[in-house]
C-alpha cells in the first residue's frame, strides 16, 4: 500500500527595516511560516546577535521534529 504525504508551506520575511538585506546587521531575521490549515509559525534565526531569543528558530524545529519522530517510532 502506498501512502503519499504532501506538505505545502509559505515563508514570508518580516524583518525588512527599509534597507532590504543590503547590510547583514540592519535587518531583523523574523519570518512567518504558513502551514496550510495550521497555526502560523513566527520564527527567527538562532544567531543571538540578530535574532529574537523569544521566538523559535529552524534549529529548534529540527531538533523537535527528530525528537518527536524518535518518540513515535
PDB file of N, CA and C in Angstrom:
ATOM      1  N   UNK A   1       0.831  -1.161   0.000  1.00  0.00           N
ATOM      2  CA  UNK A   1       0.000   0.000   0.000  1.00  0.00           C
ATOM      3  C   UNK A   1       0.893   1.249   0.000  1.00  0.00           C
ATOM      4  N   UNK A   2       0.588   2.171  -0.882  1.00  0.00           N
ATOM      5  CA  UNK A   2       1.357   3.403  -0.984  1.00  0.00           C
ATOM      6  C   UNK A   2       0.651   4.527  -0.231  1.00  0.00           C
ATOM      7  N   UNK A   3       1.403   5.205   0.599  1.00  0.00           N
ATOM      8  CA  UNK A   3       0.881   6.373   1.306  1.00  0.00           C
ATOM      9  C   UNK A   3       1.692   7.583   0.877  1.00  0.00           C
ATOM     10  N   UNK A   4       1.014   8.550   0.314  1.00  0.00           N
ATOM     11  CA  UNK A   4       1.700   9.760  -0.092  1.00  0.00           C
ATOM     12  C   UNK A   4       1.409  10.871   0.904  1.00  0.00           C
ATOM     13  N   UNK A   5       2.427  11.657   1.184  1.00  0.00           N
ATOM     14  CA  UNK A   5       2.289  12.807   2.069  1.00  0.00           C
ATOM     15  C   UNK A   5       2.717  14.045   1.294  1.00  0.00           C
ATOM     16  N   UNK A   6       1.886  15.043   1.302  1.00  0.00           N
ATOM     17  CA  UNK A   6       2.193  16.286   0.613  1.00  0.00           C
ATOM     18  C   UNK A   6       2.127  17.427   1.626  1.00  0.00           C
ATOM     19  N   UNK A   7       3.118  18.274   1.591  1.00  0.00           N
ATOM     20  CA  UNK A   7       3.193  19.399   2.519  1.00  0.00           C
ATOM     21  C   UNK A   7       3.422  20.666   1.712  1.00  0.00           C
ATOM     22  N   UNK A   8       2.717  21.713   2.079  1.00  0.00           N
ATOM     23  CA  UNK A   8       2.915  22.996   1.412  1.00  0.00           C
ATOM     24  C   UNK A   8       3.075  24.061   2.487  1.00  0.00           C
ATOM     25  N   UNK A   9       4.153  24.807   2.403  1.00  0.00           N
ATOM     26  CA  UNK A   9       4.389  25.912   3.323  1.00  0.00           C
ATOM     27  C   UNK A   9       4.748  27.156   2.515  1.00  0.00           C
ATOM     28  N   UNK A  10       4.480  28.294   3.104  1.00  0.00           N
ATOM     29  CA  UNK A  10       4.880  29.564   2.530  1.00  0.00           C
ATOM     30  C   UNK A  10       5.649  30.313   3.610  1.00  0.00           C
ATOM     31  N   UNK A  11       6.828  30.808   3.275  1.00  0.00           N
ATOM     32  CA  UNK A  11       7.650  31.545   4.227  1.00  0.00           C
ATOM     33  C   UNK A  11       7.712  33.003   3.792  1.00  0.00           C
ATOM     34  N   UNK A  12       7.422  33.897   4.739  1.00  0.00           N
ATOM     35  CA  UNK A  12       7.370  35.327   4.450  1.00  0.00           C
ATOM     36  C   UNK A  12       8.331  36.061   5.374  1.00  0.00           C
ATOM     37  N   UNK A  13       9.253  36.792   4.807  1.00  0.00           N
ATOM     38  CA  UNK A  13      10.208  37.589   5.576  1.00  0.00           C
ATOM     39  C   UNK A  13       9.478  38.784   6.184  1.00  0.00           C
ATOM     40  N   UNK A  14       9.741  39.049   7.457  1.00  0.00           N
ATOM     41  CA  UNK A  14       9.101  40.154   8.156  1.00  0.00           C
ATOM     42  C   UNK A  14      10.089  41.219   8.604  1.00  0.00           C
ATOM     43  N   UNK A  15      11.367  41.014   8.428  1.00  0.00           N
ATOM     44  CA  UNK A  15      12.371  41.852   9.065  1.00  0.00           C
ATOM     45  C   UNK A  15      12.930  43.012   8.282  1.00  0.00           C
ATOM     46  N   UNK A  16      12.380  43.347   7.120  1.00  0.00           N
ATOM     47  CA  UNK A  16      12.917  44.453   6.341  1.00  0.00           C
ATOM     48  C   UNK A  16      12.643  45.768   7.067  1.00  0.00           C
ATOM     49  N   UNK A  17      13.694  46.467   7.414  1.00  0.00           N
ATOM     50  CA  UNK A  17      13.564  47.757   8.108  1.00  0.00           C
ATOM     51  C   UNK A  17      13.801  48.920   7.152  1.00  0.00           C
ATOM     52  N   UNK A  18      13.551  48.691   5.870  1.00  0.00           N
ATOM     53  CA  UNK A  18      13.680  49.754   4.878  1.00  0.00           C
ATOM     54  C   UNK A  18      14.895  49.660   3.990  1.00  0.00           C
ATOM     55  N   UNK A  19      15.842  48.788   4.315  1.00  0.00           N
ATOM     56  CA  UNK A  19      17.061  48.659   3.524  1.00  0.00           C
ATOM     57  C   UNK A  19      17.193  47.282   2.877  1.00  0.00           C
ATOM     58  N   UNK A  20      16.149  46.471   2.977  1.00  0.00           N
ATOM     59  CA  UNK A  20      16.233  45.123   2.435  1.00  0.00           C
ATOM     60  C   UNK A  20      17.291  44.320   3.162  1.00  0.00           C
ATOM     61  N   UNK A  21      18.083  43.571   2.419  1.00  0.00           N
ATOM     62  CA  UNK A  21      19.136  42.742   3.009  1.00  0.00           C
ATOM     63  C   UNK A  21      20.528  43.249   2.621  1.00  0.00           C
ATOM     64  N   UNK A  22      20.644  44.534   2.340  1.00  0.00           N
ATOM     65  CA  UNK A  22      21.923  45.108   1.920  1.00  0.00           C
ATOM     66  C   UNK A  22      23.008  44.976   2.969  1.00  0.00           C
ATOM     67  N   UNK A  23      22.654  45.098   4.229  1.00  0.00           N
ATOM     68  CA  UNK A  23      23.632  45.015   5.305  1.00  0.00           C
ATOM     69  C   UNK A  23      23.176  43.939   6.280  1.00  0.00           C
ATOM     70  N   UNK A  24      24.001  42.962   6.529  1.00  0.00           N
ATOM     71  CA  UNK A  24      23.640  41.820   7.360  1.00  0.00           C
ATOM     72  C   UNK A  24      23.207  42.231   8.767  1.00  0.00           C
ATOM     73  N   UNK A  25      23.635  43.371   9.239  1.00  0.00           N
ATOM     74  CA  UNK A  25      23.312  43.832  10.600  1.00  0.00           C
ATOM     75  C   UNK A  25      22.048  44.689  10.670  1.00  0.00           C
ATOM     76  N   UNK A  26      21.493  45.116   9.523  1.00  0.00           N
ATOM     77  CA  UNK A  26      20.390  46.066   9.570  1.00  0.00           C
ATOM     78  C   UNK A  26      19.009  45.458   9.376  1.00  0.00           C
ATOM     79  N   UNK A  27      18.886  44.166   9.179  1.00  0.00           N
ATOM     80  CA  UNK A  27      17.544  43.604   9.046  1.00  0.00           C
ATOM     81  C   UNK A  27      17.303  42.512  10.075  1.00  0.00           C
ATOM     82  N   UNK A  28      16.098  42.496  10.568  1.00  0.00           N
ATOM     83  CA  UNK A  28      15.639  41.516  11.544  1.00  0.00           C
ATOM     84  C   UNK A  28      15.421  40.186  10.823  1.00  0.00           C
ATOM     85  N   UNK A  29      15.715  39.100  11.452  1.00  0.00           N
ATOM     86  CA  UNK A  29      15.562  37.779  10.829  1.00  0.00           C
ATOM     87  C   UNK A  29      14.183  37.158  11.074  1.00  0.00           C
ATOM     88  N   UNK A  30      13.252  37.943  11.594  1.00  0.00           N
ATOM     89  CA  UNK A  30      11.907  37.425  11.845  1.00  0.00           C
ATOM     90  C   UNK A  30      11.232  37.032  10.537  1.00  0.00           C
ATOM     91  N   UNK A  31      10.515  35.931  10.582  1.00  0.00           N
ATOM     92  CA  UNK A  31       9.746  35.486   9.432  1.00  0.00           C
ATOM     93  C   UNK A  31       8.581  34.623   9.916  1.00  0.00           C
ATOM     94  N   UNK A  32       7.599  34.467   9.058  1.00  0.00           N
ATOM     95  CA  UNK A  32       6.421  33.664   9.383  1.00  0.00           C
ATOM     96  C   UNK A  32       6.349  32.522   8.385  1.00  0.00           C
ATOM     97  N   UNK A  33       6.103  31.318   8.899  1.00  0.00           N
ATOM     98  CA  UNK A  33       5.892  30.157   8.048  1.00  0.00           C
ATOM     99  C   UNK A  33       4.414  29.790   8.150  1.00  0.00           C
ATOM    100  N   UNK A  34       3.741  29.816   6.997  1.00  0.00           N
ATOM    101  CA  UNK A  34       2.324  29.455   6.930  1.00  0.00           C
ATOM    102  C   UNK A  34       2.234  27.995   6.491  1.00  0.00           C
ATOM    103  N   UNK A  35       1.622  27.178   7.338  1.00  0.00           N
ATOM    104  CA  UNK A  35       1.344  25.776   7.012  1.00  0.00           C
ATOM    105  C   UNK A  35      -0.140  25.672   6.726  1.00  0.00           C
ATOM    106  N   UNK A  36      -0.493  25.160   5.579  1.00  0.00           N
ATOM    107  CA  UNK A  36      -1.873  25.108   5.131  1.00  0.00           C
ATOM    108  C   UNK A  36      -2.815  24.558   6.209  1.00  0.00           C
ATOM    109  N   UNK A  37      -3.698  25.409   6.715  1.00  0.00           N
ATOM    110  CA  UNK A  37      -4.708  24.984   7.671  1.00  0.00           C
ATOM    111  C   UNK A  37      -4.219  24.779   9.096  1.00  0.00           C
ATOM    112  N   UNK A  38      -2.993  25.192   9.391  1.00  0.00           N
ATOM    113  CA  UNK A  38      -2.414  25.010  10.730  1.00  0.00           C
ATOM    114  C   UNK A  38      -1.937  26.361  11.252  1.00  0.00           C
ATOM    115  N   UNK A  39      -1.644  26.443  12.558  1.00  0.00           N
ATOM    116  CA  UNK A  39      -1.178  27.729  13.094  1.00  0.00           C
ATOM    117  C   UNK A  39       0.114  28.193  12.427  1.00  0.00           C
ATOM    118  N   UNK A  40       0.227  29.502  12.228  1.00  0.00           N
ATOM    119  CA  UNK A  40       1.452  30.079  11.676  1.00  0.00           C
ATOM    120  C   UNK A  40       2.591  29.940  12.672  1.00  0.00           C
ATOM    121  N   UNK A  41       3.793  29.797  12.157  1.00  0.00           N
ATOM    122  CA  UNK A  41       4.999  29.755  12.981  1.00  0.00           C
ATOM    123  C   UNK A  41       5.730  31.088  12.831  1.00  0.00           C
ATOM    124  N   UNK A  42       5.951  31.760  13.939  1.00  0.00           N
ATOM    125  CA  UNK A  42       6.696  33.019  13.954  1.00  0.00           C
ATOM    126  C   UNK A  42       8.117  32.683  14.388  1.00  0.00           C
ATOM    127  N   UNK A  43       9.055  32.767  13.439  1.00  0.00           N
ATOM    128  CA  UNK A  43      10.409  32.272  13.651  1.00  0.00           C
ATOM    129  C   UNK A  43      11.454  33.373  13.505  1.00  0.00           C
ATOM    130  N   UNK A  44      12.673  33.021  13.871  1.00  0.00           N
ATOM    131  CA  UNK A  44      13.822  33.906  13.738  1.00  0.00           C
ATOM    132  C   UNK A  44      15.061  33.043  13.515  1.00  0.00           C
ATOM    133  N   UNK A  45      16.210  33.652  13.512  1.00  0.00           N
ATOM    134  CA  UNK A  45      17.466  32.918  13.406  1.00  0.00           C
ATOM    135  C   UNK A  45      17.952  32.498  14.791  1.00  0.00           C
ATOM    136  N   UNK A  46      18.834  31.524  14.841  1.00  0.00           N
ATOM    137  CA  UNK A  46      19.445  31.102  16.095  1.00  0.00           C
ATOM    138  C   UNK A  46      20.570  32.052  16.507  1.00  0.00           C
ATOM    139  N   UNK A  47      21.005  32.899  15.598  1.00  0.00           N
ATOM    140  CA  UNK A  47      22.095  33.838  15.861  1.00  0.00           C
ATOM    141  C   UNK A  47      21.620  34.910  16.847  1.00  0.00           C
ATOM    142  N   UNK A  48      22.159  34.879  18.069  1.00  0.00           N
ATOM    143  CA  UNK A  48      21.716  35.795  19.124  1.00  0.00           C
ATOM    144  C   UNK A  48      21.984  37.259  18.803  1.00  0.00           C
ATOM    145  N   UNK A  49      22.933  37.532  17.937  1.00  0.00           N
ATOM    146  CA  UNK A  49      23.263  38.909  17.583  1.00  0.00           C
ATOM    147  C   UNK A  49      22.154  39.584  16.795  1.00  0.00           C
ATOM    148  N   UNK A  50      21.506  38.845  15.923  1.00  0.00           N
ATOM    149  CA  UNK A  50      20.476  39.428  15.057  1.00  0.00           C
ATOM    150  C   UNK A  50      19.118  38.739  15.179  1.00  0.00           C
ATOM    151  N   UNK A  51      19.014  37.725  16.030  1.00  0.00           N
ATOM    152  CA  UNK A  51      17.765  37.009  16.207  1.00  0.00           C
ATOM    153  C   UNK A  51      16.977  37.487  17.410  1.00  0.00           C
ATOM    154  N   UNK A  52      15.816  36.891  17.606  1.00  0.00           N
ATOM    155  CA  UNK A  52      14.932  37.211  18.726  1.00  0.00           C
ATOM    156  C   UNK A  52      14.825  35.961  19.586  1.00  0.00           C
ATOM    157  N   UNK A  53      15.453  36.002  20.747  1.00  0.00           N
ATOM    158  CA  UNK A  53      15.510  34.840  21.633  1.00  0.00           C
ATOM    159  C   UNK A  53      14.148  34.343  22.101  1.00  0.00           C
ATOM    160  N   UNK A  54      13.115  35.154  21.983  1.00  0.00           N
ATOM    161  CA  UNK A  54      11.784  34.748  22.443  1.00  0.00           C
ATOM    162  C   UNK A  54      11.038  33.913  21.405  1.00  0.00           C
ATOM    163  N   UNK A  55      11.598  33.816  20.188  1.00  0.00           N
ATOM    164  CA  UNK A  55      10.951  33.056  19.107  1.00  0.00           C
ATOM    165  C   UNK A  55      11.696  31.757  18.836  1.00  0.00           C
ATOM    166  N   UNK A  56      10.968  30.804  18.285  1.00  0.00           N
ATOM    167  CA  UNK A  56      11.594  29.566  17.819  1.00  0.00           C
ATOM    168  C   UNK A  56      12.458  29.870  16.603  1.00  0.00           C
ATOM    169  N   UNK A  57      13.411  28.976  16.340  1.00  0.00           N
ATOM    170  CA  UNK A  57      14.240  29.093  15.148  1.00  0.00           C
ATOM    171  C   UNK A  57      14.236  27.747  14.420  1.00  0.00           C
ATOM    172  N   UNK A  58      14.720  27.682  13.181  1.00  0.00           N
ATOM    173  CA  UNK A  58      14.709  26.434  12.436  1.00  0.00           C
ATOM    174  C   UNK A  58      15.440  25.293  13.148  1.00  0.00           C
ATOM    175  N   UNK A  59      16.495  25.619  13.871  1.00  0.00           N
ATOM    176  CA  UNK A  59      17.229  24.570  14.598  1.00  0.00           C
ATOM    177  C   UNK A  59      16.365  23.977  15.712  1.00  0.00           C
ATOM    178  N   UNK A  60      15.606  24.823  16.421  1.00  0.00           N
ATOM    179  CA  UNK A  60      14.665  24.326  17.432  1.00  0.00           C
ATOM    180  C   UNK A  60      13.676  23.350  16.803  1.00  0.00           C
ATOM    181  N   UNK A  61      13.153  23.738  15.642  1.00  0.00           N
ATOM    182  CA  UNK A  61      12.149  22.902  14.977  1.00  0.00           C
ATOM    183  C   UNK A  61      12.741  21.588  14.482  1.00  0.00           C
ATOM    184  N   UNK A  62      13.973  21.629  13.970  1.00  0.00           N
ATOM    185  CA  UNK A  62      14.632  20.408  13.504  1.00  0.00           C
ATOM    186  C   UNK A  62      14.820  19.414  14.646  1.00  0.00           C
ATOM    187  N   UNK A  63      15.356  19.898  15.758  1.00  0.00           N
ATOM    188  CA  UNK A  63      15.582  19.025  16.920  1.00  0.00           C
ATOM    189  C   UNK A  63      14.246  18.510  17.455  1.00  0.00           C
ATOM    190  N   UNK A  64      13.224  19.371  17.464  1.00  0.00           N
ATOM    191  CA  UNK A  64      11.893  18.953  17.918  1.00  0.00           C
ATOM    192  C   UNK A  64      11.307  17.873  17.011  1.00  0.00           C
ATOM    193  N   UNK A  65      11.476  18.032  15.700  1.00  0.00           N
ATOM    194  CA  UNK A  65      10.958  17.047  14.753  1.00  0.00           C
ATOM    195  C   UNK A  65      11.650  15.697  14.917  1.00  0.00           C
ATOM    196  N   UNK A  66      12.957  15.714  15.072  1.00  0.00           N
ATOM    197  CA  UNK A  66      13.709  14.465  15.268  1.00  0.00           C
ATOM    198  C   UNK A  66      13.282  13.795  16.562  1.00  0.00           C
ATOM    199  N   UNK A  67      13.157  14.562  17.621  1.00  0.00           N
ATOM    200  CA  UNK A  67      12.745  14.024  18.909  1.00  0.00           C
ATOM    201  C   UNK A  67      11.353  13.419  18.841  1.00  0.00           C
ATOM    202  N   UNK A  68      10.443  14.127  18.188  1.00  0.00           N
ATOM    203  CA  UNK A  68       9.072  13.645  18.072  1.00  0.00           C
ATOM    204  C   UNK A  68       8.994  12.368  17.232  1.00  0.00           C
ATOM    205  N   UNK A  69       9.689  12.349  16.097  1.00  0.00           N
ATOM    206  CA  UNK A  69       9.713  11.153  15.245  1.00  0.00           C
ATOM    207  C   UNK A  69      10.292   9.953  15.996  1.00  0.00           C
ATOM    208  N   UNK A  70      11.372  10.186  16.730  1.00  0.00           N
ATOM    209  CA  UNK A  70      12.005   9.124  17.504  1.00  0.00           C
ATOM    210  C   UNK A  70      11.046   8.586  18.551  1.00  0.00           C
ATOM    211  N   UNK A  71      10.350   9.477  19.258  1.00  0.00           N
ATOM    212  CA  UNK A  71       9.412   9.067  20.285  1.00  0.00           C
ATOM    213  C   UNK A  71       8.246   8.269  19.696  1.00  0.00           C
ATOM    214  N   UNK A  72       7.782   8.647  18.520  1.00  0.00           N
ATOM    215  CA  UNK A  72       6.617   7.987  17.911  1.00  0.00           C
ATOM    216  C   UNK A  72       6.946   6.641  17.263  1.00  0.00           C
ATOM    217  N   UNK A  73       8.229   6.351  17.065  1.00  0.00           N
ATOM    218  CA  UNK A  73       8.564   5.092  16.360  1.00  0.00           C
ATOM    219  C   UNK A  73       8.869   3.947  17.280  1.00  0.00           C
TER     220      UNK A  73
END
